[in-house]
Amino acid sequence: MPKVFEWRGYRFFFYAHEGTPLEPAHIHVRKDGKEAKFWLRPFVSLAYNRGFNGLELKRIAGQVMSKRDEIERHWHGFFEI
């Protein structure tokens, strides 16, 4: 599970095996047993949520939007795309 960054206890990461064929670029977020997944393109959007409340999702989405380029660099570097 390559970690991209942490923010306020939230861990932003992706799984080393993201399906065959590889899914489009996205990021997983985990904290306190809760997890969400966000697609990065064509715009940041929630793929699923397991336990975060609306305010948490809004804050997490803001971080994903502000760091989307960094997340994509990590994604493409790791998967050598």
PDB file of N, CA and C in Angstrom:
ATOM      1  N   MET A   1       0.837  -1.181   0.000  1.00  0.00           N
ATOM      2  CA  MET A   1       0.000   0.000   0.000  1.00  0.00           C
ATOM      3  C   MET A   1       0.882   1.245   0.000  1.00  0.00           C
ATOM      4  N   PRO A   2       1.245   1.749  -1.142  1.00  0.00           N
ATOM      5  CA  PRO A   2       2.060   2.965  -1.174  1.00  0.00           C
ATOM      6  C   PRO A   2       1.300   4.168  -0.605  1.00  0.00           C
ATOM      7  N   LYS A   3       1.887   4.779   0.418  1.00  0.00           N
ATOM      8  CA  LYS A   3       1.290   5.971   1.025  1.00  0.00           C
ATOM      9  C   LYS A   3       1.753   7.191   0.245  1.00  0.00           C
ATOM     10  N   VAL A   4       0.805   8.055  -0.101  1.00  0.00           N
ATOM     11  CA  VAL A   4       1.129   9.284  -0.823  1.00  0.00           C
ATOM     12  C   VAL A   4       1.389  10.408   0.173  1.00  0.00           C
ATOM     13  N   PHE A   5       0.490  10.576   1.153  1.00  0.00           N
ATOM     14  CA  PHE A   5       0.699  11.566   2.203  1.00  0.00           C
ATOM     15  C   PHE A   5      -0.283  11.317   3.342  1.00  0.00           C
ATOM     16  N   GLU A   6      -0.036  12.001   4.458  1.00  0.00           N
ATOM     17  CA  GLU A   6      -0.956  11.992   5.595  1.00  0.00           C
ATOM     18  C   GLU A   6      -1.346  13.420   5.905  1.00  0.00           C
ATOM     19  N   TRP A   7      -2.565  13.574   6.390  1.00  0.00           N
ATOM     20  CA  TRP A   7      -3.089  14.887   6.760  1.00  0.00           C
ATOM     21  C   TRP A   7      -4.081  14.695   7.895  1.00  0.00           C
ATOM     22  N   ARG A   8      -3.798  15.323   9.034  1.00  0.00           N
ATOM     23  CA  ARG A   8      -4.678  15.262  10.203  1.00  0.00           C
ATOM     24  C   ARG A   8      -5.093  13.835  10.576  1.00  0.00           C
ATOM     25  N   GLY A   9      -4.176  12.912  10.439  1.00  0.00           N
ATOM     26  CA  GLY A   9      -4.462  11.525  10.782  1.00  0.00           C
ATOM     27  C   GLY A   9      -5.087  10.710   9.667  1.00  0.00           C
ATOM     28  N   TYR A  10      -5.439  11.356   8.556  1.00  0.00           N
ATOM     29  CA  TYR A  10      -5.981  10.651   7.391  1.00  0.00           C
ATOM     30  C   TYR A  10      -4.802  10.156   6.560  1.00  0.00           C
ATOM     31  N   ARG A  11      -4.858   8.920   6.154  1.00  0.00           N
ATOM     32  CA  ARG A  11      -3.803   8.322   5.339  1.00  0.00           C
ATOM     33  C   ARG A  11      -4.306   8.239   3.898  1.00  0.00           C
ATOM     34  N   PHE A  12      -3.591   8.853   2.975  1.00  0.00           N
ATOM     35  CA  PHE A  12      -3.945   8.872   1.557  1.00  0.00           C
ATOM     36  C   PHE A  12      -3.008   7.892   0.851  1.00  0.00           C
ATOM     37  N   PHE A  13      -3.574   6.886   0.205  1.00  0.00           N
ATOM     38  CA  PHE A  13      -2.762   5.805  -0.347  1.00  0.00           C
ATOM     39  C   PHE A  13      -3.484   5.146  -1.521  1.00  0.00           C
ATOM     40  N   PHE A  14      -2.770   4.245  -2.174  1.00  0.00           N
ATOM     41  CA  PHE A  14      -3.412   3.361  -3.144  1.00  0.00           C
ATOM     42  C   PHE A  14      -2.877   1.961  -2.907  1.00  0.00           C
ATOM     43  N   TYR A  15      -3.593   0.981  -3.403  1.00  0.00           N
ATOM     44  CA  TYR A  15      -3.171  -0.403  -3.260  1.00  0.00           C
ATOM     45  C   TYR A  15      -2.194  -0.749  -4.371  1.00  0.00           C
ATOM     46  N   ALA A  16      -1.206  -1.573  -4.051  1.00  0.00           N
ATOM     47  CA  ALA A  16      -0.187  -1.943  -5.032  1.00  0.00           C
ATOM     48  C   ALA A  16      -0.782  -2.748  -6.189  1.00  0.00           C
ATOM     49  N   HIS A  17      -1.875  -3.456  -5.941  1.00  0.00           N
ATOM     50  CA  HIS A  17      -2.534  -4.216  -7.010  1.00  0.00           C
ATOM     51  C   HIS A  17      -3.914  -3.597  -7.192  1.00  0.00           C
ATOM     52  N   GLU A  18      -4.050  -2.760  -8.193  1.00  0.00           N
ATOM     53  CA  GLU A  18      -5.299  -2.016  -8.418  1.00  0.00           C
ATOM     54  C   GLU A  18      -6.114  -2.591  -9.574  1.00  0.00           C
ATOM     55  N   GLY A  19      -6.097  -3.904  -9.707  1.00  0.00           N
ATOM     56  CA  GLY A  19      -6.950  -4.554 -10.700  1.00  0.00           C
ATOM     57  C   GLY A  19      -6.245  -4.821 -12.013  1.00  0.00           C
ATOM     58  N   THR A  20      -6.815  -5.757 -12.754  1.00  0.00           N
ATOM     59  CA  THR A  20      -6.321  -6.091 -14.083  1.00  0.00           C
ATOM     60  C   THR A  20      -7.524  -6.123 -14.999  1.00  0.00           C
ATOM     61  N   PRO A  21      -7.658  -5.204 -15.932  1.00  0.00           N
ATOM     62  CA  PRO A  21      -6.695  -4.129 -16.195  1.00  0.00           C
ATOM     63  C   PRO A  21      -6.695  -3.098 -15.072  1.00  0.00           C
ATOM     64  N   LEU A  22      -5.640  -2.307 -15.040  1.00  0.00           N
ATOM     65  CA  LEU A  22      -5.469  -1.285 -14.017  1.00  0.00           C
ATOM     66  C   LEU A  22      -6.624  -0.290 -14.057  1.00  0.00           C
ATOM     67  N   GLU A  23      -7.197   0.001 -12.895  1.00  0.00           N
ATOM     68  CA  GLU A  23      -8.257   1.013 -12.809  1.00  0.00           C
ATOM     69  C   GLU A  23      -7.671   2.394 -13.094  1.00  0.00           C
ATOM     70  N   PRO A  24      -8.521   3.352 -13.475  1.00  0.00           N
ATOM     71  CA  PRO A  24      -8.039   4.730 -13.639  1.00  0.00           C
ATOM     72  C   PRO A  24      -7.493   5.262 -12.310  1.00  0.00           C
ATOM     73  N   ALA A  25      -6.668   6.290 -12.389  1.00  0.00           N
ATOM     74  CA  ALA A  25      -6.037   6.860 -11.200  1.00  0.00           C
ATOM     75  C   ALA A  25      -7.080   7.275 -10.163  1.00  0.00           C
ATOM     76  N   HIS A  26      -6.812   6.898  -8.915  1.00  0.00           N
ATOM     77  CA  HIS A  26      -7.692   7.231  -7.799  1.00  0.00           C
ATOM     78  C   HIS A  26      -6.884   7.165  -6.515  1.00  0.00           C
ATOM     79  N   ILE A  27      -7.494   7.562  -5.415  1.00  0.00           N
ATOM     80  CA  ILE A  27      -6.824   7.550  -4.115  1.00  0.00           C
ATOM     81  C   ILE A  27      -7.779   6.994  -3.065  1.00  0.00           C
ATOM     82  N   HIS A  28      -7.232   6.202  -2.155  1.00  0.00           N
ATOM     83  CA  HIS A  28      -7.976   5.701  -1.006  1.00  0.00           C
ATOM     84  C   HIS A  28      -7.585   6.542   0.198  1.00  0.00           C
ATOM     85  N   VAL A  29      -8.516   6.713   1.114  1.00  0.00           N
ATOM     86  CA  VAL A  29      -8.267   7.478   2.334  1.00  0.00           C
ATOM     87  C   VAL A  29      -8.788   6.661   3.506  1.00  0.00           C
ATOM     88  N   ARG A  30      -7.971   6.556   4.555  1.00  0.00           N
ATOM     89  CA  ARG A  30      -8.368   5.752   5.705  1.00  0.00           C
ATOM     90  C   ARG A  30      -8.037   6.491   6.999  1.00  0.00           C
ATOM     91  N   LYS A  31      -8.935   6.347   7.962  1.00  0.00           N
ATOM     92  CA  LYS A  31      -8.704   6.854   9.317  1.00  0.00           C
ATOM     93  C   LYS A  31      -9.674   6.157  10.264  1.00  0.00           C
ATOM     94  N   ASP A  32      -9.163   5.691  11.383  1.00  0.00           N
ATOM     95  CA  ASP A  32      -9.994   5.094  12.436  1.00  0.00           C
ATOM     96  C   ASP A  32     -10.949   4.018  11.916  1.00  0.00           C
ATOM     97  N   GLY A  33     -10.470   3.164  11.019  1.00  0.00           N
ATOM     98  CA  GLY A  33     -11.295   2.081  10.499  1.00  0.00           C
ATOM     99  C   GLY A  33     -12.268   2.476   9.405  1.00  0.00           C
ATOM    100  N   LYS A  34     -12.292   3.757   9.046  1.00  0.00           N
ATOM    101  CA  LYS A  34     -13.164   4.239   7.964  1.00  0.00           C
ATOM    102  C   LYS A  34     -12.329   4.360   6.694  1.00  0.00           C
ATOM    103  N   GLU A  35     -12.977   4.212   5.544  1.00  0.00           N
ATOM    104  CA  GLU A  35     -12.249   4.316   4.280  1.00  0.00           C
ATOM    105  C   GLU A  35     -13.146   4.896   3.189  1.00  0.00           C
ATOM    106  N   ALA A  36     -12.526   5.669   2.311  1.00  0.00           N
ATOM    107  CA  ALA A  36     -13.214   6.209   1.136  1.00  0.00           C
ATOM    108  C   ALA A  36     -12.267   6.117  -0.052  1.00  0.00           C
ATOM    109  N   LYS A  37     -12.847   6.184  -1.222  1.00  0.00           N
ATOM    110  CA  LYS A  37     -12.072   6.148  -2.466  1.00  0.00           C
ATOM    111  C   LYS A  37     -12.560   7.288  -3.344  1.00  0.00           C
ATOM    112  N   PHE A  38     -11.616   8.008  -3.935  1.00  0.00           N
ATOM    113  CA  PHE A  38     -11.939   9.127  -4.817  1.00  0.00           C
ATOM    114  C   PHE A  38     -11.299   8.925  -6.179  1.00  0.00           C
ATOM    115  N   TRP A  39     -12.084   9.082  -7.235  1.00  0.00           N
ATOM    116  CA  TRP A  39     -11.551   9.140  -8.591  1.00  0.00           C
ATOM    117  C   TRP A  39     -10.915  10.515  -8.772  1.00  0.00           C
ATOM    118  N   LEU A  40      -9.873  10.599  -9.589  1.00  0.00           N
ATOM    119  CA  LEU A  40      -9.170  11.864  -9.796  1.00  0.00           C
ATOM    120  C   LEU A  40      -9.595  12.585 -11.065  1.00  0.00           C
ATOM    121  N   ARG A  41     -10.060  11.870 -12.054  1.00  0.00           N
ATOM    122  CA  ARG A  41     -10.430  12.473 -13.337  1.00  0.00           C
ATOM    123  C   ARG A  41     -11.765  11.936 -13.810  1.00  0.00           C
ATOM    124  N   PRO A  42     -12.518  12.688 -14.599  1.00  0.00           N
ATOM    125  CA  PRO A  42     -12.190  14.014 -15.135  1.00  0.00           C
ATOM    126  C   PRO A  42     -12.221  15.094 -14.066  1.00  0.00           C
ATOM    127  N   PHE A  43     -12.833  14.784 -12.918  1.00  0.00           N
ATOM    128  CA  PHE A  43     -12.830  15.698 -11.771  1.00  0.00           C
ATOM    129  C   PHE A  43     -12.839  14.817 -10.525  1.00  0.00           C
ATOM    130  N   VAL A  44     -12.441  15.363  -9.403  1.00  0.00           N
ATOM    131  CA  VAL A  44     -12.425  14.594  -8.161  1.00  0.00           C
ATOM    132  C   VAL A  44     -13.859  14.229  -7.786  1.00  0.00           C
ATOM    133  N   SER A  45     -14.104  12.933  -7.622  1.00  0.00           N
ATOM    134  CA  SER A  45     -15.448  12.472  -7.270  1.00  0.00           C
ATOM    135  C   SER A  45     -15.347  11.251  -6.360  1.00  0.00           C
ATOM    136  N   LEU A  46     -16.316  11.115  -5.495  1.00  0.00           N
ATOM    137  CA  LEU A  46     -16.344  10.019  -4.537  1.00  0.00           C
ATOM    138  C   LEU A  46     -16.753   8.723  -5.228  1.00  0.00           C
ATOM    139  N   ALA A  47     -15.925   7.694  -5.100  1.00  0.00           N
ATOM    140  CA  ALA A  47     -16.248   6.374  -5.645  1.00  0.00           C
ATOM    141  C   ALA A  47     -17.027   5.558  -4.615  1.00  0.00           C
ATOM    142  N   TYR A  48     -16.567   5.586  -3.361  1.00  0.00           N
ATOM    143  CA  TYR A  48     -17.316   4.948  -2.278  1.00  0.00           C
ATOM    144  C   TYR A  48     -16.896   5.538  -0.941  1.00  0.00           C
ATOM    145  N   ASN A  49     -17.744   5.344   0.039  1.00  0.00           N
ATOM    146  CA  ASN A  49     -17.492   5.817   1.392  1.00  0.00           C
ATOM    147  C   ASN A  49     -17.933   4.744   2.373  1.00  0.00           C
ATOM    148  N   ARG A  50     -17.051   4.422   3.293  1.00  0.00           N
ATOM    149  CA  ARG A  50     -17.382   3.461   4.349  1.00  0.00           C
ATOM    150  C   ARG A  50     -17.111   4.108   5.703  1.00  0.00           C
ATOM    151  N   GLY A  51     -18.050   4.939   6.137  1.00  0.00           N
ATOM    152  CA  GLY A  51     -18.009   5.434   7.497  1.00  0.00           C
ATOM    153  C   GLY A  51     -17.742   6.905   7.738  1.00  0.00           C
ATOM    154  N   PHE A  52     -17.197   7.630   6.776  1.00  0.00           N
ATOM    155  CA  PHE A  52     -16.939   9.055   6.993  1.00  0.00           C
ATOM    156  C   PHE A  52     -18.243   9.837   6.933  1.00  0.00           C
ATOM    157  N   ASN A  53     -18.355  10.883   7.757  1.00  0.00           N
ATOM    158  CA  ASN A  53     -19.541  11.731   7.686  1.00  0.00           C
ATOM    159  C   ASN A  53     -19.357  12.797   6.600  1.00  0.00           C
ATOM    160  N   GLY A  54     -20.396  13.541   6.327  1.00  0.00           N
ATOM    161  CA  GLY A  54     -20.380  14.528   5.250  1.00  0.00           C
ATOM    162  C   GLY A  54     -19.301  15.582   5.391  1.00  0.00           C
ATOM    163  N   LEU A  55     -19.091  16.087   6.597  1.00  0.00           N
ATOM    164  CA  LEU A  55     -18.067  17.106   6.809  1.00  0.00           C
ATOM    165  C   LEU A  55     -16.674  16.538   6.559  1.00  0.00           C
ATOM    166  N   GLU A  56     -16.429  15.322   7.043  1.00  0.00           N
ATOM    167  CA  GLU A  56     -15.134  14.684   6.791  1.00  0.00           C
ATOM    168  C   GLU A  56     -14.901  14.514   5.295  1.00  0.00           C
ATOM    169  N   LEU A  57     -15.923  14.044   4.576  1.00  0.00           N
ATOM    170  CA  LEU A  57     -15.776  13.841   3.132  1.00  0.00           C
ATOM    171  C   LEU A  57     -15.472  15.145   2.412  1.00  0.00           C
ATOM    172  N   LYS A  58     -16.115  16.224   2.838  1.00  0.00           N
ATOM    173  CA  LYS A  58     -15.866  17.529   2.220  1.00  0.00           C
ATOM    174  C   LYS A  58     -14.410  17.946   2.428  1.00  0.00           C
ATOM    175  N   ARG A  59     -13.911  17.776   3.638  1.00  0.00           N
ATOM    176  CA  ARG A  59     -12.523  18.144   3.936  1.00  0.00           C
ATOM    177  C   ARG A  59     -11.534  17.251   3.202  1.00  0.00           C
ATOM    178  N   ILE A  60     -11.817  15.960   3.168  1.00  0.00           N
ATOM    179  CA  ILE A  60     -10.948  15.018   2.460  1.00  0.00           C
ATOM    180  C   ILE A  60     -10.924  15.354   0.974  1.00  0.00           C
ATOM    181  N   ALA A  61     -12.096  15.589   0.392  1.00  0.00           N
ATOM    182  CA  ALA A  61     -12.170  15.926  -1.034  1.00  0.00           C
ATOM    183  C   ALA A  61     -11.367  17.188  -1.326  1.00  0.00           C
ATOM    184  N   GLY A  62     -11.392  18.155  -0.425  1.00  0.00           N
ATOM    185  CA  GLY A  62     -10.599  19.369  -0.599  1.00  0.00           C
ATOM    186  C   GLY A  62      -9.114  19.065  -0.666  1.00  0.00           C
ATOM    187  N   GLN A  63      -8.651  18.153   0.179  1.00  0.00           N
ATOM    188  CA  GLN A  63      -7.241  17.757   0.144  1.00  0.00           C
ATOM    189  C   GLN A  63      -6.907  17.029  -1.153  1.00  0.00           C
ATOM    190  N   VAL A  64      -7.798  16.153  -1.585  1.00  0.00           N
ATOM    191  CA  VAL A  64      -7.565  15.421  -2.839  1.00  0.00           C
ATOM    192  C   VAL A  64      -7.484  16.405  -4.001  1.00  0.00           C
ATOM    193  N   MET A  65      -8.389  17.380  -4.035  1.00  0.00           N
ATOM    194  CA  MET A  65      -8.358  18.375  -5.116  1.00  0.00           C
ATOM    195  C   MET A  65      -7.064  19.173  -5.092  1.00  0.00           C
ATOM    196  N   SER A  66      -6.636  19.596  -3.913  1.00  0.00           N
ATOM    197  CA  SER A  66      -5.446  20.441  -3.838  1.00  0.00           C
ATOM    198  C   SER A  66      -4.160  19.667  -4.118  1.00  0.00           C
ATOM    199  N   LYS A  67      -4.184  18.353  -3.946  1.00  0.00           N
ATOM    200  CA  LYS A  67      -2.981  17.540  -4.151  1.00  0.00           C
ATOM    201  C   LYS A  67      -3.125  16.560  -5.315  1.00  0.00           C
ATOM    202  N   ARG A  68      -4.093  16.794  -6.164  1.00  0.00           N
ATOM    203  CA  ARG A  68      -4.350  15.860  -7.267  1.00  0.00           C
ATOM    204  C   ARG A  68      -3.116  15.626  -8.131  1.00  0.00           C
ATOM    205  N   ASP A  69      -2.388  16.678  -8.485  1.00  0.00           N
ATOM    206  CA  ASP A  69      -1.196  16.506  -9.325  1.00  0.00           C
ATOM    207  C   ASP A  69      -0.147  15.640  -8.631  1.00  0.00           C
ATOM    208  N   GLU A  70       0.064  15.874  -7.346  1.00  0.00           N
ATOM    209  CA  GLU A  70       1.022  15.075  -6.576  1.00  0.00           C
ATOM    210  C   GLU A  70       0.583  13.613  -6.524  1.00  0.00           C
ATOM    211  N   ILE A  71      -0.694  13.384  -6.288  1.00  0.00           N
ATOM    212  CA  ILE A  71      -1.226  12.019  -6.239  1.00  0.00           C
ATOM    213  C   ILE A  71      -1.002  11.327  -7.581  1.00  0.00           C
ATOM    214  N   GLU A  72      -1.302  12.026  -8.669  1.00  0.00           N
ATOM    215  CA  GLU A  72      -1.127  11.429  -9.999  1.00  0.00           C
ATOM    216  C   GLU A  72       0.337  11.138 -10.294  1.00  0.00           C
ATOM    217  N   ARG A  73       1.256  11.985  -9.851  1.00  0.00           N
ATOM    218  CA  ARG A  73       2.687  11.709 -10.048  1.00  0.00           C
ATOM    219  C   ARG A  73       3.079  10.416  -9.338  1.00  0.00           C
ATOM    220  N   HIS A  74       2.621  10.251  -8.107  1.00  0.00           N
ATOM    221  CA  HIS A  74       2.908   9.014  -7.373  1.00  0.00           C
ATOM    222  C   HIS A  74       2.299   7.808  -8.084  1.00  0.00           C
ATOM    223  N   TRP A  75       1.058   7.943  -8.511  1.00  0.00           N
ATOM    224  CA  TRP A  75       0.352   6.849  -9.196  1.00  0.00           C
ATOM    225  C   TRP A  75       1.112   6.416 -10.448  1.00  0.00           C
ATOM    226  N   HIS A  76       1.404   7.378 -11.318  1.00  0.00           N
ATOM    227  CA  HIS A  76       2.066   7.053 -12.584  1.00  0.00           C
ATOM    228  C   HIS A  76       3.489   6.542 -12.357  1.00  0.00           C
ATOM    229  N   GLY A  77       4.176   7.087 -11.355  1.00  0.00           N
ATOM    230  CA  GLY A  77       5.515   6.607 -11.040  1.00  0.00           C
ATOM    231  C   GLY A  77       5.504   5.180 -10.522  1.00  0.00           C
ATOM    232  N   PHE A  78       4.575   4.872  -9.640  1.00  0.00           N
ATOM    233  CA  PHE A  78       4.514   3.533  -9.070  1.00  0.00           C
ATOM    234  C   PHE A  78       4.136   2.495 -10.116  1.00  0.00           C
ATOM    235  N   PHE A  79       3.128   2.794 -10.917  1.00  0.00           N
ATOM    236  CA  PHE A  79       2.660   1.835 -11.914  1.00  0.00           C
ATOM    237  C   PHE A  79       3.402   1.961 -13.241  1.00  0.00           C
ATOM    238  N   GLU A  80       4.386   2.873 -13.292  1.00  0.00           N
ATOM    239  CA  GLU A  80       5.228   3.073 -14.481  1.00  0.00           C
ATOM    240  C   GLU A  80       4.396   3.305 -15.731  1.00  0.00           C
ATOM    241  N   ILE A  81       3.460   4.239 -15.599  1.00  0.00           N
ATOM    242  CA  ILE A  81       2.586   4.577 -16.730  1.00  0.00           C
ATOM    243  C   ILE A  81       3.087   5.858 -17.359  1.00  0.00           C
TER     244      ILE A  81
END
